[in-house]
Amino acid sequence: MTFEEFVSARLGTLVRYATVVTWDPHLAEDITQNVLVRAQARWARISRMDAPELYVKRMVVNEFLSWRRRRAAQSIPLATDTLAGHLPEAPDPSVQRDERDAMLRLIATLPPRQRAVIALRFYEDLAVDQIAEVLGCRTVTVRTHLMRALAALQNALPAPLVTTGEKP
């Protein structure tokens, strides 16, 4: 696959993924652009990999984390209205919109690595070993981030949003 074919096929997915990771659609576009410029220069090597898309997604996460380190004093704005356009609509948006917005606000409070794990696991539907490959860490680290993120979200959720699976 040529670089141009890769970009044509995966650009939208990469920008949406970067939006979920950064919570800022404009920053997501900038990060995606920077990553694709770097990926193009290394495309001969990247294209020979088993999963070039996962490698490029890892580049997106690394670029975002580098951006965060450079701008540690700034906060990341939560763009729920823009981000909501990239998420699948619930069957009844009028009923579930408040819950989705509350969840997006809670996810935005997570540390960047936990937020990336949540995005990869539940937005991109990747397995733990694939997430470990994207983030460049061990699977046990991914499971730890996932467990801590889910625990933080469950503790922060208002009571009506927490479900235990039991009938009242």
N, C-alpha and C. Protein backbone atom coordinates (compact mmCIF):
# COMPACT_ATOMS: atom_id res chain seq x y z
N MET A 1 0.85 -1.18 0.00
CA MET A 1 0.00 0.00 0.00
C MET A 1 0.89 1.24 0.00
N THR A 2 0.60 2.16 -0.90
CA THR A 2 1.38 3.40 -0.95
C THR A 2 0.91 4.33 0.17
N PHE A 3 1.74 5.34 0.44
CA PHE A 3 1.39 6.31 1.47
C PHE A 3 0.11 7.04 1.10
N GLU A 4 -0.04 7.39 -0.16
CA GLU A 4 -1.24 8.11 -0.61
C GLU A 4 -2.49 7.26 -0.42
N GLU A 5 -2.40 5.96 -0.71
CA GLU A 5 -3.54 5.06 -0.51
C GLU A 5 -3.88 4.94 0.97
N PHE A 6 -2.83 4.86 1.80
CA PHE A 6 -3.04 4.78 3.25
C PHE A 6 -3.77 6.02 3.75
N VAL A 7 -3.30 7.19 3.34
CA VAL A 7 -3.91 8.44 3.80
C VAL A 7 -5.35 8.54 3.30
N SER A 8 -5.59 8.18 2.05
CA SER A 8 -6.96 8.23 1.50
C SER A 8 -7.90 7.33 2.28
N ALA A 9 -7.41 6.16 2.65
CA ALA A 9 -8.27 5.19 3.33
C ALA A 9 -8.42 5.47 4.83
N ARG A 10 -7.41 6.02 5.49
CA ARG A 10 -7.41 6.09 6.94
C ARG A 10 -7.40 7.49 7.54
N LEU A 11 -7.38 8.54 6.74
CA LEU A 11 -7.29 9.89 7.29
C LEU A 11 -8.44 10.21 8.23
N GLY A 12 -9.67 9.93 7.82
CA GLY A 12 -10.82 10.22 8.68
C GLY A 12 -10.75 9.48 10.00
N THR A 13 -10.36 8.22 9.96
CA THR A 13 -10.23 7.42 11.18
C THR A 13 -9.15 7.99 12.08
N LEU A 14 -8.02 8.38 11.50
CA LEU A 14 -6.93 8.93 12.30
C LEU A 14 -7.32 10.25 12.96
N VAL A 15 -8.02 11.11 12.24
CA VAL A 15 -8.45 12.40 12.82
C VAL A 15 -9.47 12.16 13.93
N ARG A 16 -10.42 11.23 13.71
CA ARG A 16 -11.40 10.93 14.76
C ARG A 16 -10.70 10.35 15.99
N TYR A 17 -9.75 9.46 15.78
CA TYR A 17 -9.01 8.88 16.89
C TYR A 17 -8.24 9.97 17.64
N ALA A 18 -7.57 10.84 16.91
CA ALA A 18 -6.83 11.93 17.54
C ALA A 18 -7.78 12.86 18.30
N THR A 19 -8.99 13.05 17.79
CA THR A 19 -9.98 13.88 18.48
C THR A 19 -10.38 13.26 19.80
N VAL A 20 -10.56 11.95 19.82
CA VAL A 20 -10.90 11.27 21.07
C VAL A 20 -9.75 11.37 22.06
N VAL A 21 -8.53 11.24 21.59
CA VAL A 21 -7.37 11.29 22.48
C VAL A 21 -7.14 12.71 23.01
N THR A 22 -7.28 13.72 22.15
CA THR A 22 -6.95 15.09 22.54
C THR A 22 -8.12 15.88 23.11
N TRP A 23 -9.34 15.53 22.75
CA TRP A 23 -10.55 16.26 23.12
C TRP A 23 -10.58 17.66 22.51
N ASP A 24 -9.84 17.85 21.45
CA ASP A 24 -9.80 19.14 20.78
C ASP A 24 -9.66 18.86 19.28
N PRO A 25 -10.72 19.09 18.50
CA PRO A 25 -10.67 18.73 17.08
C PRO A 25 -9.61 19.49 16.29
N HIS A 26 -9.32 20.72 16.68
CA HIS A 26 -8.30 21.49 15.96
C HIS A 26 -6.90 20.96 16.27
N LEU A 27 -6.67 20.66 17.54
CA LEU A 27 -5.39 20.05 17.92
C LEU A 27 -5.26 18.68 17.27
N ALA A 28 -6.36 17.94 17.20
CA ALA A 28 -6.33 16.61 16.58
C ALA A 28 -5.89 16.70 15.12
N GLU A 29 -6.40 17.69 14.41
CA GLU A 29 -5.99 17.87 13.01
C GLU A 29 -4.51 18.22 12.91
N ASP A 30 -4.03 19.10 13.81
CA ASP A 30 -2.62 19.47 13.80
C ASP A 30 -1.73 18.26 14.10
N ILE A 31 -2.11 17.50 15.12
CA ILE A 31 -1.31 16.33 15.49
C ILE A 31 -1.32 15.31 14.36
N THR A 32 -2.48 15.07 13.77
CA THR A 32 -2.57 14.12 12.67
C THR A 32 -1.69 14.57 11.50
N GLN A 33 -1.72 15.85 11.20
CA GLN A 33 -0.89 16.37 10.11
C GLN A 33 0.59 16.17 10.41
N ASN A 34 1.02 16.50 11.63
CA ASN A 34 2.42 16.33 12.00
C ASN A 34 2.84 14.86 11.92
N VAL A 35 1.97 13.99 12.40
CA VAL A 35 2.26 12.56 12.38
C VAL A 35 2.37 12.06 10.94
N LEU A 36 1.46 12.49 10.08
CA LEU A 36 1.50 12.02 8.69
C LEU A 36 2.73 12.54 7.95
N VAL A 37 3.19 13.73 8.27
CA VAL A 37 4.42 14.24 7.66
C VAL A 37 5.59 13.35 8.07
N ARG A 38 5.66 13.01 9.36
CA ARG A 38 6.74 12.13 9.84
C ARG A 38 6.59 10.72 9.27
N ALA A 39 5.35 10.23 9.18
CA ALA A 39 5.11 8.88 8.66
C ALA A 39 5.49 8.80 7.18
N GLN A 40 5.23 9.85 6.44
CA GLN A 40 5.58 9.83 5.01
C GLN A 40 7.09 9.68 4.83
N ALA A 41 7.85 10.35 5.66
CA ALA A 41 9.31 10.26 5.55
C ALA A 41 9.81 8.85 5.87
N ARG A 42 9.06 8.11 6.68
CA ARG A 42 9.46 6.75 7.09
C ARG A 42 8.58 5.68 6.46
N TRP A 43 7.81 6.03 5.43
CA TRP A 43 6.80 5.12 4.92
C TRP A 43 7.38 3.81 4.40
N ALA A 44 8.56 3.83 3.84
CA ALA A 44 9.15 2.59 3.33
C ALA A 44 9.26 1.55 4.45
N ARG A 45 9.63 1.98 5.64
CA ARG A 45 9.75 1.07 6.78
C ARG A 45 8.37 0.77 7.38
N ILE A 46 7.55 1.79 7.54
CA ILE A 46 6.23 1.61 8.17
C ILE A 46 5.35 0.69 7.33
N SER A 47 5.39 0.83 6.03
CA SER A 47 4.50 0.04 5.17
C SER A 47 4.83 -1.45 5.21
N ARG A 48 6.04 -1.81 5.61
CA ARG A 48 6.40 -3.23 5.71
C ARG A 48 5.94 -3.86 7.02
N MET A 49 5.43 -3.08 7.94
CA MET A 49 4.98 -3.61 9.23
C MET A 49 3.69 -4.39 9.04
N ASP A 50 3.41 -5.28 10.02
CA ASP A 50 2.18 -6.06 9.98
C ASP A 50 0.95 -5.17 10.09
N ALA A 51 1.04 -4.14 10.92
CA ALA A 51 -0.11 -3.26 11.16
C ALA A 51 0.34 -1.80 11.11
N PRO A 52 0.50 -1.25 9.92
CA PRO A 52 0.97 0.14 9.84
C PRO A 52 0.01 1.13 10.49
N GLU A 53 -1.29 0.85 10.46
CA GLU A 53 -2.24 1.78 11.08
C GLU A 53 -2.04 1.85 12.59
N LEU A 54 -1.79 0.72 13.23
CA LEU A 54 -1.54 0.73 14.67
C LEU A 54 -0.28 1.52 14.99
N TYR A 55 0.73 1.39 14.16
CA TYR A 55 1.96 2.14 14.37
C TYR A 55 1.70 3.64 14.25
N VAL A 56 0.93 4.03 13.26
CA VAL A 56 0.62 5.46 13.08
C VAL A 56 -0.24 5.96 14.24
N LYS A 57 -1.15 5.13 14.74
CA LYS A 57 -1.94 5.53 15.92
C LYS A 57 -1.05 5.71 17.13
N ARG A 58 -0.04 4.85 17.25
CA ARG A 58 0.92 5.02 18.35
C ARG A 58 1.65 6.35 18.18
N MET A 59 1.98 6.69 16.95
CA MET A 59 2.62 7.98 16.69
C MET A 59 1.70 9.13 17.11
N VAL A 60 0.40 8.99 16.89
CA VAL A 60 -0.57 10.03 17.30
C VAL A 60 -0.53 10.20 18.81
N VAL A 61 -0.58 9.09 19.55
CA VAL A 61 -0.55 9.17 21.02
C VAL A 61 0.76 9.80 21.48
N ASN A 62 1.88 9.37 20.91
CA ASN A 62 3.17 9.92 21.31
C ASN A 62 3.27 11.41 21.00
N GLU A 63 2.76 11.82 19.85
CA GLU A 63 2.78 13.24 19.49
C GLU A 63 1.93 14.05 20.47
N PHE A 64 0.77 13.50 20.84
CA PHE A 64 -0.08 14.20 21.80
C PHE A 64 0.61 14.31 23.16
N LEU A 65 1.22 13.22 23.62
CA LEU A 65 1.91 13.26 24.92
C LEU A 65 3.08 14.24 24.89
N SER A 66 3.77 14.31 23.78
CA SER A 66 4.86 15.29 23.64
C SER A 66 4.30 16.71 23.68
N TRP A 67 3.18 16.92 23.00
CA TRP A 67 2.53 18.23 23.02
C TRP A 67 2.14 18.59 24.46
N ARG A 68 1.59 17.63 25.19
CA ARG A 68 1.20 17.88 26.58
C ARG A 68 2.40 18.26 27.44
N ARG A 69 3.50 17.56 27.23
CA ARG A 69 4.70 17.88 28.02
C ARG A 69 5.19 19.29 27.70
N ARG A 70 5.14 19.67 26.43
CA ARG A 70 5.60 21.01 26.05
C ARG A 70 4.68 22.09 26.60
N ARG A 71 3.43 21.79 26.75
CA ARG A 71 2.45 22.79 27.19
C ARG A 71 1.76 22.35 28.48
N ALA A 72 2.56 21.90 29.44
CA ALA A 72 2.02 21.34 30.67
C ALA A 72 1.17 22.34 31.45
N ALA A 73 1.43 23.62 31.30
CA ALA A 73 0.70 24.62 32.06
C ALA A 73 -0.68 24.91 31.48
N GLN A 74 -0.91 24.52 30.24
CA GLN A 74 -2.20 24.79 29.60
C GLN A 74 -3.16 23.64 29.85
N SER A 75 -4.43 23.96 29.88
CA SER A 75 -5.44 22.91 30.01
C SER A 75 -5.95 22.56 28.62
N ILE A 76 -6.49 21.36 28.51
CA ILE A 76 -7.05 20.91 27.24
C ILE A 76 -8.54 21.19 27.27
N PRO A 77 -9.04 22.01 26.35
CA PRO A 77 -10.48 22.30 26.36
C PRO A 77 -11.29 21.07 25.96
N LEU A 78 -12.42 20.93 26.58
CA LEU A 78 -13.33 19.84 26.26
C LEU A 78 -14.32 20.32 25.22
N ALA A 79 -14.27 19.72 24.06
CA ALA A 79 -15.14 20.13 22.96
C ALA A 79 -16.22 19.08 22.77
N THR A 80 -17.14 18.98 23.72
CA THR A 80 -18.13 17.91 23.66
C THR A 80 -19.07 18.06 22.48
N ASP A 81 -19.40 19.29 22.10
CA ASP A 81 -20.32 19.44 20.97
C ASP A 81 -19.67 18.96 19.68
N THR A 82 -18.41 19.30 19.47
CA THR A 82 -17.72 18.86 18.27
C THR A 82 -17.44 17.37 18.33
N LEU A 83 -16.98 16.89 19.47
CA LEU A 83 -16.67 15.48 19.62
C LEU A 83 -17.91 14.63 19.46
N ALA A 84 -19.03 15.10 19.93
CA ALA A 84 -20.26 14.32 19.83
C ALA A 84 -20.61 14.01 18.38
N GLY A 85 -20.21 14.86 17.45
CA GLY A 85 -20.46 14.59 16.04
C GLY A 85 -19.66 13.43 15.50
N HIS A 86 -18.58 13.06 16.18
CA HIS A 86 -17.74 11.94 15.75
C HIS A 86 -18.13 10.64 16.43
N LEU A 87 -18.98 10.71 17.43
CA LEU A 87 -19.40 9.50 18.14
C LEU A 87 -20.71 9.00 17.55
N PRO A 88 -20.93 7.70 17.59
CA PRO A 88 -22.20 7.19 17.08
C PRO A 88 -23.36 7.71 17.92
N GLU A 89 -24.44 8.03 17.26
CA GLU A 89 -25.62 8.53 17.96
C GLU A 89 -26.32 7.40 18.68
N ALA A 90 -26.86 7.70 19.82
CA ALA A 90 -27.64 6.74 20.58
C ALA A 90 -29.00 6.59 19.90
N PRO A 91 -29.67 5.47 20.11
CA PRO A 91 -30.97 5.27 19.48
C PRO A 91 -31.95 6.41 19.77
N ASP A 92 -31.94 6.92 20.99
CA ASP A 92 -32.82 8.03 21.35
C ASP A 92 -31.96 9.15 21.91
N PRO A 93 -31.45 10.05 21.06
CA PRO A 93 -30.52 11.07 21.52
C PRO A 93 -31.09 11.98 22.61
N SER A 94 -32.39 12.21 22.60
CA SER A 94 -32.96 13.11 23.60
C SER A 94 -32.86 12.52 25.00
N VAL A 95 -32.88 11.21 25.11
CA VAL A 95 -32.82 10.56 26.42
C VAL A 95 -31.37 10.37 26.86
N GLN A 96 -30.50 10.01 25.93
CA GLN A 96 -29.14 9.62 26.31
C GLN A 96 -28.09 10.71 26.14
N ARG A 97 -28.45 11.86 25.61
CA ARG A 97 -27.45 12.91 25.37
C ARG A 97 -26.81 13.40 26.67
N ASP A 98 -27.61 13.62 27.70
CA ASP A 98 -27.06 14.10 28.96
C ASP A 98 -26.08 13.09 29.55
N GLU A 99 -26.43 11.81 29.46
CA GLU A 99 -25.53 10.78 29.99
C GLU A 99 -24.24 10.73 29.19
N ARG A 100 -24.33 10.84 27.87
CA ARG A 100 -23.14 10.80 27.02
C ARG A 100 -22.26 12.02 27.31
N ASP A 101 -22.87 13.20 27.44
CA ASP A 101 -22.09 14.40 27.74
C ASP A 101 -21.41 14.29 29.10
N ALA A 102 -22.13 13.75 30.07
CA ALA A 102 -21.53 13.56 31.39
C ALA A 102 -20.35 12.60 31.31
N MET A 103 -20.49 11.54 30.54
CA MET A 103 -19.40 10.58 30.40
C MET A 103 -18.21 11.21 29.69
N LEU A 104 -18.45 12.01 28.65
CA LEU A 104 -17.35 12.68 27.96
C LEU A 104 -16.61 13.63 28.89
N ARG A 105 -17.35 14.35 29.72
CA ARG A 105 -16.70 15.25 30.68
C ARG A 105 -15.87 14.46 31.68
N LEU A 106 -16.38 13.32 32.12
CA LEU A 106 -15.62 12.50 33.07
C LEU A 106 -14.37 11.91 32.43
N ILE A 107 -14.49 11.44 31.20
CA ILE A 107 -13.33 10.88 30.50
C ILE A 107 -12.26 11.95 30.33
N ALA A 108 -12.68 13.18 30.09
CA ALA A 108 -11.72 14.27 29.91
C ALA A 108 -10.91 14.54 31.17
N THR A 109 -11.40 14.14 32.33
CA THR A 109 -10.67 14.36 33.58
C THR A 109 -9.60 13.31 33.82
N LEU A 110 -9.61 12.23 33.05
CA LEU A 110 -8.62 11.17 33.24
C LEU A 110 -7.24 11.62 32.77
N PRO A 111 -6.19 11.04 33.34
CA PRO A 111 -4.84 11.32 32.83
C PRO A 111 -4.73 10.89 31.37
N PRO A 112 -3.82 11.49 30.60
CA PRO A 112 -3.74 11.21 29.16
C PRO A 112 -3.59 9.73 28.81
N ARG A 113 -2.75 8.98 29.52
CA ARG A 113 -2.57 7.55 29.20
C ARG A 113 -3.86 6.77 29.44
N GLN A 114 -4.54 7.05 30.54
CA GLN A 114 -5.80 6.35 30.81
C GLN A 114 -6.84 6.72 29.77
N ARG A 115 -6.87 7.99 29.39
CA ARG A 115 -7.81 8.43 28.36
C ARG A 115 -7.51 7.73 27.03
N ALA A 116 -6.23 7.59 26.71
CA ALA A 116 -5.85 6.90 25.47
C ALA A 116 -6.28 5.43 25.51
N VAL A 117 -6.10 4.78 26.66
CA VAL A 117 -6.50 3.37 26.79
C VAL A 117 -8.01 3.24 26.64
N ILE A 118 -8.77 4.13 27.26
CA ILE A 118 -10.23 4.10 27.14
C ILE A 118 -10.64 4.30 25.68
N ALA A 119 -10.00 5.25 25.01
CA ALA A 119 -10.34 5.52 23.60
C ALA A 119 -10.02 4.32 22.72
N LEU A 120 -8.86 3.72 22.94
CA LEU A 120 -8.47 2.57 22.12
C LEU A 120 -9.35 1.36 22.40
N ARG A 121 -9.70 1.16 23.65
CA ARG A 121 -10.48 -0.03 24.01
C ARG A 121 -11.94 0.10 23.60
N PHE A 122 -12.56 1.22 23.92
CA PHE A 122 -14.00 1.32 23.72
C PHE A 122 -14.40 2.10 22.47
N TYR A 123 -13.53 2.99 21.97
CA TYR A 123 -13.86 3.73 20.75
C TYR A 123 -13.33 2.98 19.53
N GLU A 124 -12.07 2.54 19.61
CA GLU A 124 -11.47 1.81 18.50
C GLU A 124 -11.70 0.30 18.59
N ASP A 125 -12.18 -0.18 19.74
CA ASP A 125 -12.49 -1.60 19.95
C ASP A 125 -11.27 -2.49 19.76
N LEU A 126 -10.12 -2.04 20.28
CA LEU A 126 -8.90 -2.83 20.19
C LEU A 126 -8.77 -3.74 21.40
N ALA A 127 -8.10 -4.86 21.20
CA ALA A 127 -7.80 -5.78 22.30
C ALA A 127 -6.64 -5.21 23.12
N VAL A 128 -6.47 -5.76 24.33
CA VAL A 128 -5.44 -5.26 25.24
C VAL A 128 -4.05 -5.36 24.61
N ASP A 129 -3.75 -6.48 23.93
CA ASP A 129 -2.43 -6.62 23.33
C ASP A 129 -2.21 -5.61 22.19
N GLN A 130 -3.26 -5.28 21.46
CA GLN A 130 -3.14 -4.27 20.41
C GLN A 130 -2.93 -2.88 21.01
N ILE A 131 -3.61 -2.61 22.11
CA ILE A 131 -3.43 -1.32 22.80
C ILE A 131 -2.00 -1.20 23.30
N ALA A 132 -1.47 -2.29 23.86
CA ALA A 132 -0.09 -2.29 24.34
C ALA A 132 0.88 -1.98 23.20
N GLU A 133 0.60 -2.54 22.04
CA GLU A 133 1.46 -2.28 20.87
C GLU A 133 1.37 -0.82 20.45
N VAL A 134 0.16 -0.26 20.43
CA VAL A 134 -0.02 1.14 20.03
C VAL A 134 0.69 2.07 21.01
N LEU A 135 0.55 1.80 22.30
CA LEU A 135 1.11 2.69 23.32
C LEU A 135 2.56 2.39 23.65
N GLY A 136 3.06 1.25 23.15
CA GLY A 136 4.46 0.90 23.42
C GLY A 136 4.71 0.52 24.86
N CYS A 137 3.79 -0.25 25.43
CA CYS A 137 3.95 -0.69 26.80
C CYS A 137 3.52 -2.15 26.92
N ARG A 138 3.64 -2.71 28.11
CA ARG A 138 3.27 -4.10 28.32
C ARG A 138 1.75 -4.22 28.51
N THR A 139 1.23 -5.41 28.26
CA THR A 139 -0.21 -5.62 28.40
C THR A 139 -0.67 -5.42 29.84
N VAL A 140 0.17 -5.77 30.80
CA VAL A 140 -0.21 -5.58 32.21
C VAL A 140 -0.36 -4.09 32.51
N THR A 141 0.45 -3.25 31.87
CA THR A 141 0.33 -1.80 32.06
C THR A 141 -0.99 -1.30 31.48
N VAL A 142 -1.36 -1.83 30.32
CA VAL A 142 -2.64 -1.45 29.71
C VAL A 142 -3.78 -1.85 30.62
N ARG A 143 -3.74 -3.07 31.13
CA ARG A 143 -4.82 -3.53 32.03
C ARG A 143 -4.89 -2.66 33.28
N THR A 144 -3.74 -2.26 33.80
CA THR A 144 -3.72 -1.40 34.99
C THR A 144 -4.34 -0.04 34.67
N HIS A 145 -3.94 0.56 33.55
CA HIS A 145 -4.53 1.85 33.15
C HIS A 145 -6.04 1.71 32.94
N LEU A 146 -6.45 0.63 32.29
CA LEU A 146 -7.87 0.40 32.03
C LEU A 146 -8.64 0.23 33.34
N MET A 147 -8.10 -0.57 34.25
CA MET A 147 -8.77 -0.80 35.54
C MET A 147 -8.89 0.51 36.32
N ARG A 148 -7.82 1.27 36.37
CA ARG A 148 -7.84 2.54 37.12
C ARG A 148 -8.80 3.55 36.48
N ALA A 149 -8.79 3.60 35.16
CA ALA A 149 -9.69 4.53 34.46
C ALA A 149 -11.15 4.16 34.70
N LEU A 150 -11.46 2.88 34.58
CA LEU A 150 -12.85 2.45 34.79
C LEU A 150 -13.27 2.67 36.24
N ALA A 151 -12.36 2.42 37.19
CA ALA A 151 -12.69 2.65 38.60
C ALA A 151 -12.93 4.14 38.85
N ALA A 152 -12.09 4.99 38.27
CA ALA A 152 -12.26 6.43 38.45
C ALA A 152 -13.58 6.89 37.84
N LEU A 153 -13.91 6.36 36.67
CA LEU A 153 -15.17 6.74 36.03
C LEU A 153 -16.36 6.26 36.85
N GLN A 154 -16.30 5.03 37.33
CA GLN A 154 -17.41 4.50 38.11
C GLN A 154 -17.60 5.29 39.40
N ASN A 155 -16.50 5.65 40.05
CA ASN A 155 -16.60 6.43 41.29
C ASN A 155 -17.13 7.84 41.04
N ALA A 156 -16.85 8.38 39.87
CA ALA A 156 -17.26 9.75 39.57
C ALA A 156 -18.66 9.85 38.98
N LEU A 157 -19.19 8.73 38.50
CA LEU A 157 -20.51 8.76 37.87
C LEU A 157 -21.61 9.06 38.88
N PRO A 158 -22.59 9.86 38.49
CA PRO A 158 -23.75 10.04 39.34
C PRO A 158 -24.49 8.71 39.49
N ALA A 159 -25.15 8.53 40.58
CA ALA A 159 -25.80 7.25 40.89
C ALA A 159 -26.68 6.70 39.77
N PRO A 160 -27.53 7.49 39.08
CA PRO A 160 -28.38 6.90 38.04
C PRO A 160 -27.60 6.30 36.87
N LEU A 161 -26.36 6.76 36.63
CA LEU A 161 -25.59 6.24 35.51
C LEU A 161 -24.86 4.95 35.84
N VAL A 162 -24.65 4.67 37.13
CA VAL A 162 -23.94 3.46 37.53
C VAL A 162 -24.93 2.31 37.55
N THR A 163 -24.62 1.27 36.79
CA THR A 163 -25.49 0.09 36.78
C THR A 163 -24.71 -1.10 37.28
N THR A 164 -25.33 -1.90 38.10
CA THR A 164 -24.67 -3.08 38.65
C THR A 164 -25.14 -4.34 37.98
N GLY A 165 -26.13 -4.25 37.13
CA GLY A 165 -26.66 -5.43 36.48
C GLY A 165 -27.78 -6.08 37.28
N GLU A 166 -28.00 -5.59 38.49
CA GLU A 166 -29.06 -6.15 39.33
C GLU A 166 -30.34 -5.36 39.12
N LYS A 167 -31.46 -6.04 39.28
CA LYS A 167 -32.74 -5.35 39.19
C LYS A 167 -33.04 -4.69 40.52
N PRO A 168 -33.66 -3.51 40.50
CA PRO A 168 -33.97 -2.81 41.76
C PRO A 168 -34.98 -3.55 42.60
